[in-house]
Amino acid sequence: MATTAFKGNPVNTVGELPASGAQAPSFDLVGEGLSALTSADVPGRVVLNIFPSIDTGVCAASVRKFNELAASLEDTTVVNVSQDLPFAQARFCGAEGIDKVKVGSAFRSTFGKDYGVTMADGPMAGLLARSVVVLDADGKVLHTELVPEITQEPDYDAAVSALG
């Protein structure tokens, strides 16, 4: 298990992020309109922006920032992943004019366990820990980050730099 923190208090996750150089687990999420969104549906390179809830300030900021960055990333899809229902994700993105990224809900999948990011304890237990996983076009892990403090934004520059 890995450890992050929430407001300075340690929070364990159910596992570890996949290692750099490893093949990433396939994912099966729920996209807009309750449609399936799987790793097979996302060609090219992938940035998984993983967070607890779209309805928090830091999570919303990361979605906005990755939407901005996605516009300049060739052959790359950013997928925002949380336990939020797809309706909440679509509402937020529609209200914010976010249209360069995909949203995927892990509410009925094993994504959090497969990627080791489900928080196992603390007040946000069951939600996904803020993290980033960058994959090449073959699904190989190029970069991972589990933020040290859930209330911090991820290192956007490191994620983009991993893409080359």
N, C-alpha and C. Protein backbone atom coordinates (compact mmCIF):
# COMPACT_ATOMS: atom_id res chain seq x y z
N MET A 1 0.83 -1.17 0.00
CA MET A 1 0.00 0.00 0.00
C MET A 1 0.87 1.23 0.00
N ALA A 2 0.35 2.30 -0.58
CA ALA A 2 1.05 3.58 -0.62
C ALA A 2 0.39 4.52 0.39
N THR A 3 1.05 5.61 0.66
CA THR A 3 0.51 6.57 1.62
C THR A 3 0.54 7.97 1.02
N THR A 4 -0.57 8.66 1.19
CA THR A 4 -0.69 10.07 0.88
C THR A 4 -1.14 10.73 2.17
N ALA A 5 -1.68 11.91 2.12
CA ALA A 5 -2.18 12.57 3.33
C ALA A 5 -3.39 13.41 2.97
N PHE A 6 -4.23 13.63 3.96
CA PHE A 6 -5.36 14.54 3.83
C PHE A 6 -5.29 15.50 5.00
N LYS A 7 -4.99 16.76 4.67
CA LYS A 7 -4.84 17.81 5.69
C LYS A 7 -3.82 17.40 6.76
N GLY A 8 -2.72 16.80 6.28
CA GLY A 8 -1.63 16.43 7.16
C GLY A 8 -1.75 15.08 7.83
N ASN A 9 -2.89 14.44 7.71
CA ASN A 9 -3.10 13.13 8.33
C ASN A 9 -2.85 12.03 7.30
N PRO A 10 -2.02 11.03 7.64
CA PRO A 10 -1.71 9.96 6.68
C PRO A 10 -2.96 9.20 6.23
N VAL A 11 -2.96 8.87 4.95
CA VAL A 11 -4.05 8.10 4.34
C VAL A 11 -3.40 7.00 3.50
N ASN A 12 -3.77 5.77 3.76
CA ASN A 12 -3.26 4.63 3.00
C ASN A 12 -4.15 4.36 1.80
N THR A 13 -3.53 3.84 0.75
CA THR A 13 -4.29 3.38 -0.40
C THR A 13 -4.29 1.86 -0.39
N VAL A 14 -5.11 1.27 -1.24
CA VAL A 14 -5.23 -0.19 -1.26
C VAL A 14 -4.06 -0.88 -1.94
N GLY A 15 -3.19 -0.12 -2.56
CA GLY A 15 -2.06 -0.72 -3.26
C GLY A 15 -1.08 0.33 -3.71
N GLU A 16 -0.38 0.02 -4.77
CA GLU A 16 0.62 0.92 -5.35
C GLU A 16 0.23 1.24 -6.78
N LEU A 17 0.61 2.42 -7.24
CA LEU A 17 0.45 2.75 -8.64
C LEU A 17 1.29 1.78 -9.48
N PRO A 18 0.88 1.51 -10.70
CA PRO A 18 1.72 0.65 -11.55
C PRO A 18 3.10 1.29 -11.73
N ALA A 19 4.12 0.48 -11.81
CA ALA A 19 5.50 0.96 -11.90
C ALA A 19 5.80 1.50 -13.30
N SER A 20 6.67 2.50 -13.36
CA SER A 20 7.14 2.99 -14.65
C SER A 20 7.78 1.84 -15.41
N GLY A 21 7.44 1.75 -16.69
CA GLY A 21 7.95 0.68 -17.53
C GLY A 21 7.05 -0.55 -17.59
N ALA A 22 6.13 -0.66 -16.63
CA ALA A 22 5.21 -1.80 -16.60
C ALA A 22 4.04 -1.57 -17.56
N GLN A 23 3.39 -2.65 -17.90
CA GLN A 23 2.16 -2.56 -18.68
C GLN A 23 1.05 -2.14 -17.71
N ALA A 24 0.32 -1.10 -18.06
CA ALA A 24 -0.76 -0.62 -17.19
C ALA A 24 -1.94 -1.58 -17.24
N PRO A 25 -2.66 -1.70 -16.12
CA PRO A 25 -3.88 -2.52 -16.17
C PRO A 25 -4.88 -1.89 -17.15
N SER A 26 -5.64 -2.72 -17.83
CA SER A 26 -6.71 -2.17 -18.66
C SER A 26 -7.75 -1.56 -17.72
N PHE A 27 -8.51 -0.62 -18.23
CA PHE A 27 -9.55 -0.03 -17.39
C PHE A 27 -10.89 -0.08 -18.08
N ASP A 28 -11.92 -0.09 -17.25
CA ASP A 28 -13.30 -0.15 -17.70
C ASP A 28 -14.07 0.84 -16.85
N LEU A 29 -14.33 2.01 -17.42
CA LEU A 29 -14.99 3.09 -16.70
C LEU A 29 -16.36 3.35 -17.31
N VAL A 30 -17.11 4.25 -16.69
CA VAL A 30 -18.39 4.67 -17.23
C VAL A 30 -18.24 6.11 -17.70
N GLY A 31 -18.48 6.33 -18.99
CA GLY A 31 -18.33 7.65 -19.58
C GLY A 31 -19.65 8.41 -19.60
N GLU A 32 -19.65 9.47 -20.38
CA GLU A 32 -20.85 10.30 -20.50
C GLU A 32 -22.03 9.48 -20.98
N GLY A 33 -23.21 9.79 -20.47
CA GLY A 33 -24.42 9.09 -20.89
C GLY A 33 -24.44 7.63 -20.49
N LEU A 34 -23.64 7.25 -19.50
CA LEU A 34 -23.53 5.88 -19.00
C LEU A 34 -22.93 4.92 -20.01
N SER A 35 -22.24 5.46 -21.02
CA SER A 35 -21.58 4.60 -22.00
C SER A 35 -20.29 4.03 -21.41
N ALA A 36 -19.85 2.92 -21.96
CA ALA A 36 -18.59 2.33 -21.52
C ALA A 36 -17.43 3.18 -22.03
N LEU A 37 -16.42 3.31 -21.21
CA LEU A 37 -15.16 3.96 -21.59
C LEU A 37 -14.05 3.03 -21.11
N THR A 38 -13.47 2.31 -22.05
CA THR A 38 -12.43 1.34 -21.71
C THR A 38 -11.09 1.79 -22.27
N SER A 39 -10.03 1.17 -21.80
CA SER A 39 -8.71 1.49 -22.32
C SER A 39 -8.66 1.25 -23.83
N ALA A 40 -9.40 0.27 -24.33
CA ALA A 40 -9.43 0.00 -25.77
C ALA A 40 -10.09 1.13 -26.56
N ASP A 41 -10.92 1.95 -25.89
CA ASP A 41 -11.61 3.06 -26.55
C ASP A 41 -10.75 4.31 -26.65
N VAL A 42 -9.57 4.28 -26.05
CA VAL A 42 -8.73 5.48 -25.98
C VAL A 42 -7.41 5.20 -26.69
N PRO A 43 -7.35 5.49 -27.99
CA PRO A 43 -6.12 5.22 -28.73
C PRO A 43 -5.03 6.24 -28.42
N GLY A 44 -3.81 5.89 -28.74
CA GLY A 44 -2.69 6.80 -28.54
C GLY A 44 -2.25 6.85 -27.09
N ARG A 45 -1.53 7.91 -26.77
CA ARG A 45 -1.03 8.08 -25.41
C ARG A 45 -2.17 8.54 -24.51
N VAL A 46 -2.06 8.21 -23.23
CA VAL A 46 -3.14 8.51 -22.29
C VAL A 46 -2.55 9.13 -21.02
N VAL A 47 -3.21 10.18 -20.55
CA VAL A 47 -2.92 10.75 -19.25
C VAL A 47 -4.15 10.51 -18.39
N LEU A 48 -3.99 9.73 -17.33
CA LEU A 48 -5.08 9.49 -16.39
C LEU A 48 -4.93 10.49 -15.24
N ASN A 49 -5.85 11.44 -15.17
CA ASN A 49 -5.89 12.41 -14.08
C ASN A 49 -6.91 11.87 -13.08
N ILE A 50 -6.41 11.34 -11.98
CA ILE A 50 -7.24 10.61 -11.01
C ILE A 50 -7.41 11.49 -9.77
N PHE A 51 -8.65 11.57 -9.26
CA PHE A 51 -8.89 12.47 -8.13
C PHE A 51 -10.13 12.04 -7.35
N PRO A 52 -10.30 12.59 -6.12
CA PRO A 52 -11.43 12.18 -5.27
C PRO A 52 -12.81 12.59 -5.79
N SER A 53 -13.01 13.89 -6.10
CA SER A 53 -14.34 14.34 -6.50
C SER A 53 -14.26 15.63 -7.30
N ILE A 54 -14.98 15.68 -8.38
CA ILE A 54 -15.04 16.86 -9.25
C ILE A 54 -15.57 18.08 -8.49
N ASP A 55 -16.29 17.85 -7.40
CA ASP A 55 -16.91 18.94 -6.66
C ASP A 55 -16.03 19.52 -5.56
N THR A 56 -14.72 19.35 -5.67
CA THR A 56 -13.79 20.01 -4.75
C THR A 56 -12.90 20.95 -5.55
N GLY A 57 -12.42 21.98 -4.93
CA GLY A 57 -11.65 23.01 -5.61
C GLY A 57 -10.40 22.51 -6.31
N VAL A 58 -9.61 21.69 -5.64
CA VAL A 58 -8.36 21.21 -6.22
C VAL A 58 -8.64 20.24 -7.37
N CYS A 59 -9.63 19.39 -7.21
CA CYS A 59 -9.99 18.45 -8.28
C CYS A 59 -10.47 19.23 -9.52
N ALA A 60 -11.31 20.21 -9.30
CA ALA A 60 -11.81 21.03 -10.40
C ALA A 60 -10.65 21.75 -11.09
N ALA A 61 -9.71 22.26 -10.30
CA ALA A 61 -8.55 22.95 -10.88
C ALA A 61 -7.73 22.00 -11.75
N SER A 62 -7.57 20.75 -11.32
CA SER A 62 -6.78 19.80 -12.11
C SER A 62 -7.48 19.47 -13.42
N VAL A 63 -8.79 19.36 -13.40
CA VAL A 63 -9.54 19.09 -14.63
C VAL A 63 -9.40 20.27 -15.58
N ARG A 64 -9.52 21.50 -15.06
CA ARG A 64 -9.35 22.68 -15.90
C ARG A 64 -7.95 22.73 -16.52
N LYS A 65 -6.93 22.49 -15.70
CA LYS A 65 -5.55 22.58 -16.17
C LYS A 65 -5.25 21.49 -17.21
N PHE A 66 -5.68 20.26 -16.95
CA PHE A 66 -5.44 19.20 -17.94
C PHE A 66 -6.24 19.44 -19.22
N ASN A 67 -7.40 20.06 -19.13
CA ASN A 67 -8.15 20.42 -20.33
C ASN A 67 -7.35 21.42 -21.16
N GLU A 68 -6.76 22.40 -20.49
CA GLU A 68 -5.92 23.40 -21.16
C GLU A 68 -4.71 22.74 -21.81
N LEU A 69 -4.05 21.86 -21.09
CA LEU A 69 -2.86 21.18 -21.61
C LEU A 69 -3.20 20.24 -22.75
N ALA A 70 -4.36 19.59 -22.68
CA ALA A 70 -4.75 18.59 -23.68
C ALA A 70 -4.82 19.18 -25.08
N ALA A 71 -5.13 20.45 -25.17
CA ALA A 71 -5.25 21.10 -26.47
C ALA A 71 -3.93 21.08 -27.25
N SER A 72 -2.80 20.99 -26.55
CA SER A 72 -1.51 21.03 -27.23
C SER A 72 -0.79 19.68 -27.23
N LEU A 73 -1.43 18.64 -26.74
CA LEU A 73 -0.79 17.32 -26.67
C LEU A 73 -1.22 16.47 -27.86
N GLU A 74 -0.29 16.21 -28.77
CA GLU A 74 -0.61 15.42 -29.96
C GLU A 74 -0.73 13.94 -29.61
N ASP A 75 -1.67 13.28 -30.26
CA ASP A 75 -1.88 11.85 -30.09
C ASP A 75 -1.99 11.44 -28.62
N THR A 76 -2.63 12.30 -27.84
CA THR A 76 -2.75 12.06 -26.40
C THR A 76 -4.17 12.40 -25.95
N THR A 77 -4.74 11.51 -25.15
CA THR A 77 -6.05 11.75 -24.56
C THR A 77 -5.91 11.83 -23.06
N VAL A 78 -6.50 12.86 -22.49
CA VAL A 78 -6.56 12.99 -21.03
C VAL A 78 -7.90 12.43 -20.58
N VAL A 79 -7.85 11.51 -19.63
CA VAL A 79 -9.07 10.94 -19.05
C VAL A 79 -9.08 11.31 -17.58
N ASN A 80 -10.11 12.03 -17.17
CA ASN A 80 -10.30 12.40 -15.77
C ASN A 80 -11.10 11.31 -15.10
N VAL A 81 -10.55 10.74 -14.03
CA VAL A 81 -11.17 9.58 -13.39
C VAL A 81 -11.46 9.88 -11.92
N SER A 82 -12.71 9.64 -11.52
CA SER A 82 -13.12 9.76 -10.13
C SER A 82 -14.28 8.80 -9.88
N GLN A 83 -14.72 8.75 -8.64
CA GLN A 83 -15.88 7.94 -8.29
C GLN A 83 -17.19 8.70 -8.54
N ASP A 84 -17.09 9.97 -8.93
CA ASP A 84 -18.29 10.76 -9.20
C ASP A 84 -19.14 10.08 -10.27
N LEU A 85 -20.43 10.26 -10.17
CA LEU A 85 -21.30 9.75 -11.22
C LEU A 85 -21.04 10.49 -12.52
N PRO A 86 -21.22 9.85 -13.65
CA PRO A 86 -20.97 10.51 -14.94
C PRO A 86 -21.82 11.77 -15.12
N PHE A 87 -22.98 11.82 -14.49
CA PHE A 87 -23.85 12.99 -14.59
C PHE A 87 -23.18 14.21 -13.97
N ALA A 88 -22.56 14.03 -12.80
CA ALA A 88 -21.87 15.13 -12.13
C ALA A 88 -20.66 15.57 -12.95
N GLN A 89 -19.93 14.60 -13.50
CA GLN A 89 -18.77 14.94 -14.32
C GLN A 89 -19.20 15.74 -15.55
N ALA A 90 -20.26 15.31 -16.23
CA ALA A 90 -20.75 16.00 -17.42
C ALA A 90 -21.27 17.39 -17.07
N ARG A 91 -21.96 17.50 -15.95
CA ARG A 91 -22.47 18.82 -15.51
C ARG A 91 -21.32 19.79 -15.33
N PHE A 92 -20.29 19.36 -14.62
CA PHE A 92 -19.14 20.22 -14.36
C PHE A 92 -18.47 20.63 -15.67
N CYS A 93 -18.18 19.66 -16.51
CA CYS A 93 -17.48 19.95 -17.77
C CYS A 93 -18.31 20.86 -18.67
N GLY A 94 -19.61 20.65 -18.72
CA GLY A 94 -20.49 21.51 -19.51
C GLY A 94 -20.51 22.93 -19.00
N ALA A 95 -20.61 23.09 -17.69
CA ALA A 95 -20.64 24.42 -17.08
C ALA A 95 -19.32 25.16 -17.25
N GLU A 96 -18.23 24.42 -17.30
CA GLU A 96 -16.89 25.01 -17.38
C GLU A 96 -16.36 25.12 -18.82
N GLY A 97 -17.10 24.59 -19.80
CA GLY A 97 -16.64 24.61 -21.18
C GLY A 97 -15.45 23.68 -21.41
N ILE A 98 -15.38 22.62 -20.63
CA ILE A 98 -14.27 21.67 -20.74
C ILE A 98 -14.62 20.65 -21.80
N ASP A 99 -13.85 20.66 -22.90
CA ASP A 99 -14.19 19.81 -24.03
C ASP A 99 -13.00 19.12 -24.69
N LYS A 100 -11.83 19.21 -24.09
CA LYS A 100 -10.63 18.61 -24.68
C LYS A 100 -10.23 17.31 -23.98
N VAL A 101 -10.99 16.90 -22.97
CA VAL A 101 -10.67 15.72 -22.17
C VAL A 101 -11.88 14.80 -22.12
N LYS A 102 -11.64 13.58 -21.70
CA LYS A 102 -12.73 12.63 -21.45
C LYS A 102 -12.89 12.47 -19.95
N VAL A 103 -14.10 12.11 -19.54
CA VAL A 103 -14.35 11.82 -18.13
C VAL A 103 -14.76 10.37 -18.00
N GLY A 104 -14.30 9.76 -16.93
CA GLY A 104 -14.64 8.37 -16.67
C GLY A 104 -14.93 8.16 -15.20
N SER A 105 -16.06 7.59 -14.93
CA SER A 105 -16.44 7.29 -13.55
C SER A 105 -16.05 5.86 -13.21
N ALA A 106 -15.43 5.71 -12.06
CA ALA A 106 -15.03 4.38 -11.57
C ALA A 106 -16.05 3.83 -10.59
N PHE A 107 -17.26 4.39 -10.58
CA PHE A 107 -18.23 4.03 -9.55
C PHE A 107 -18.67 2.57 -9.58
N ARG A 108 -18.54 1.90 -10.72
CA ARG A 108 -18.89 0.49 -10.75
C ARG A 108 -17.82 -0.36 -11.43
N SER A 109 -16.57 -0.02 -11.10
CA SER A 109 -15.46 -0.78 -11.67
C SER A 109 -14.40 -1.06 -10.61
N THR A 110 -13.40 -1.80 -11.01
CA THR A 110 -12.29 -2.11 -10.10
C THR A 110 -11.09 -1.20 -10.35
N PHE A 111 -11.31 -0.09 -11.03
CA PHE A 111 -10.22 0.81 -11.39
C PHE A 111 -9.37 1.19 -10.18
N GLY A 112 -9.98 1.64 -9.11
CA GLY A 112 -9.23 2.09 -7.93
C GLY A 112 -8.35 1.01 -7.35
N LYS A 113 -8.86 -0.21 -7.31
CA LYS A 113 -8.07 -1.34 -6.82
C LYS A 113 -6.98 -1.69 -7.82
N ASP A 114 -7.33 -1.77 -9.11
CA ASP A 114 -6.38 -2.15 -10.15
C ASP A 114 -5.19 -1.20 -10.22
N TYR A 115 -5.44 0.08 -10.02
CA TYR A 115 -4.39 1.09 -10.07
C TYR A 115 -3.83 1.42 -8.68
N GLY A 116 -4.37 0.81 -7.63
CA GLY A 116 -3.86 1.00 -6.28
C GLY A 116 -4.18 2.34 -5.66
N VAL A 117 -5.21 3.02 -6.14
CA VAL A 117 -5.47 4.40 -5.72
C VAL A 117 -6.71 4.61 -4.85
N THR A 118 -7.45 3.56 -4.55
CA THR A 118 -8.59 3.73 -3.65
C THR A 118 -8.06 4.01 -2.25
N MET A 119 -8.56 5.06 -1.64
CA MET A 119 -8.14 5.38 -0.27
C MET A 119 -8.79 4.38 0.68
N ALA A 120 -7.95 3.73 1.49
CA ALA A 120 -8.40 2.65 2.37
C ALA A 120 -8.87 3.16 3.73
N ASP A 121 -8.47 4.36 4.10
CA ASP A 121 -8.86 4.89 5.41
C ASP A 121 -8.95 6.41 5.34
N GLY A 122 -9.24 7.01 6.47
CA GLY A 122 -9.41 8.46 6.51
C GLY A 122 -10.81 8.87 6.12
N PRO A 123 -11.10 10.17 6.20
CA PRO A 123 -12.46 10.64 5.94
C PRO A 123 -12.92 10.47 4.49
N MET A 124 -11.99 10.25 3.57
CA MET A 124 -12.36 10.07 2.17
C MET A 124 -12.18 8.62 1.72
N ALA A 125 -12.18 7.69 2.66
CA ALA A 125 -12.04 6.27 2.34
C ALA A 125 -13.07 5.87 1.28
N GLY A 126 -12.60 5.11 0.31
CA GLY A 126 -13.47 4.67 -0.78
C GLY A 126 -13.35 5.52 -2.03
N LEU A 127 -12.87 6.76 -1.86
CA LEU A 127 -12.65 7.62 -3.02
C LEU A 127 -11.24 7.38 -3.57
N LEU A 128 -10.96 7.93 -4.72
CA LEU A 128 -9.66 7.74 -5.35
C LEU A 128 -8.69 8.82 -4.90
N ALA A 129 -7.45 8.43 -4.63
CA ALA A 129 -6.41 9.37 -4.22
C ALA A 129 -5.93 10.15 -5.44
N ARG A 130 -5.62 11.42 -5.22
CA ARG A 130 -5.16 12.26 -6.33
C ARG A 130 -3.83 11.71 -6.86
N SER A 131 -3.84 11.39 -8.14
CA SER A 131 -2.67 10.81 -8.76
C SER A 131 -2.74 11.01 -10.27
N VAL A 132 -1.63 10.76 -10.92
CA VAL A 132 -1.54 10.86 -12.37
C VAL A 132 -0.77 9.65 -12.87
N VAL A 133 -1.27 9.05 -13.95
CA VAL A 133 -0.58 7.95 -14.62
C VAL A 133 -0.52 8.31 -16.10
N VAL A 134 0.68 8.30 -16.65
CA VAL A 134 0.88 8.61 -18.07
C VAL A 134 1.29 7.33 -18.79
N LEU A 135 0.59 7.04 -19.89
CA LEU A 135 0.82 5.80 -20.65
C LEU A 135 1.23 6.13 -22.08
N ASP A 136 2.09 5.28 -22.64
CA ASP A 136 2.41 5.43 -24.06
C ASP A 136 1.29 4.77 -24.88
N ALA A 137 1.42 4.79 -26.18
CA ALA A 137 0.37 4.27 -27.06
C ALA A 137 0.15 2.77 -26.92
N ASP A 138 1.11 2.07 -26.33
CA ASP A 138 0.98 0.63 -26.12
C ASP A 138 0.53 0.29 -24.70
N GLY A 139 0.21 1.29 -23.90
CA GLY A 139 -0.26 1.06 -22.54
C GLY A 139 0.85 0.87 -21.52
N LYS A 140 2.07 1.18 -21.90
CA LYS A 140 3.19 1.08 -20.98
C LYS A 140 3.26 2.36 -20.13
N VAL A 141 3.54 2.20 -18.85
CA VAL A 141 3.56 3.33 -17.93
C VAL A 141 4.83 4.15 -18.13
N LEU A 142 4.65 5.43 -18.42
CA LEU A 142 5.77 6.35 -18.59
C LEU A 142 6.05 7.17 -17.33
N HIS A 143 5.00 7.42 -16.55
CA HIS A 143 5.13 8.30 -15.38
C HIS A 143 3.96 8.04 -14.43
N THR A 144 4.24 8.09 -13.14
CA THR A 144 3.17 8.06 -12.14
C THR A 144 3.47 9.07 -11.05
N GLU A 145 2.42 9.55 -10.44
CA GLU A 145 2.55 10.43 -9.28
C GLU A 145 1.35 10.22 -8.36
N LEU A 146 1.63 9.94 -7.12
CA LEU A 146 0.62 9.98 -6.06
C LEU A 146 0.99 11.22 -5.26
N VAL A 147 0.13 12.24 -5.27
CA VAL A 147 0.50 13.48 -4.59
C VAL A 147 0.71 13.21 -3.11
N PRO A 148 1.65 13.90 -2.49
CA PRO A 148 1.92 13.66 -1.07
C PRO A 148 0.79 14.14 -0.16
N GLU A 149 0.02 15.09 -0.64
CA GLU A 149 -1.09 15.69 0.13
C GLU A 149 -2.26 15.86 -0.83
N ILE A 150 -3.39 15.24 -0.51
CA ILE A 150 -4.56 15.24 -1.39
C ILE A 150 -5.00 16.66 -1.77
N THR A 151 -4.74 17.62 -0.90
CA THR A 151 -5.16 19.00 -1.17
C THR A 151 -4.21 19.74 -2.10
N GLN A 152 -3.19 19.06 -2.63
CA GLN A 152 -2.25 19.67 -3.58
C GLN A 152 -2.57 19.22 -5.00
N GLU A 153 -2.30 20.11 -5.95
CA GLU A 153 -2.45 19.74 -7.36
C GLU A 153 -1.29 18.85 -7.77
N PRO A 154 -1.50 18.04 -8.81
CA PRO A 154 -0.40 17.19 -9.29
C PRO A 154 0.66 18.04 -10.00
N ASP A 155 1.78 17.42 -10.29
CA ASP A 155 2.88 18.07 -11.02
C ASP A 155 2.59 17.95 -12.52
N TYR A 156 1.93 18.97 -13.05
CA TYR A 156 1.54 18.95 -14.46
C TYR A 156 2.75 18.87 -15.39
N ASP A 157 3.80 19.62 -15.04
CA ASP A 157 5.00 19.63 -15.90
C ASP A 157 5.62 18.25 -16.00
N ALA A 158 5.68 17.52 -14.90
CA ALA A 158 6.26 16.16 -14.92
C ALA A 158 5.41 15.24 -15.80
N ALA A 159 4.10 15.37 -15.72
CA ALA A 159 3.21 14.53 -16.52
C ALA A 159 3.41 14.80 -18.01
N VAL A 160 3.44 16.07 -18.38
CA VAL A 160 3.60 16.43 -19.79
C VAL A 160 5.00 16.08 -20.28
N SER A 161 6.01 16.29 -19.45
CA SER A 161 7.40 15.96 -19.83
C SER A 161 7.56 14.47 -20.12
N ALA A 162 6.81 13.64 -19.42
CA ALA A 162 6.91 12.18 -19.62
C ALA A 162 6.48 11.79 -21.04
N LEU A 163 5.70 12.63 -21.66
CA LEU A 163 5.23 12.34 -23.02
C LEU A 163 6.28 12.60 -24.08
N GLY A 164 7.37 13.25 -23.67
CA GLY A 164 8.49 13.48 -24.60
C GLY A 164 8.44 14.72 -25.34
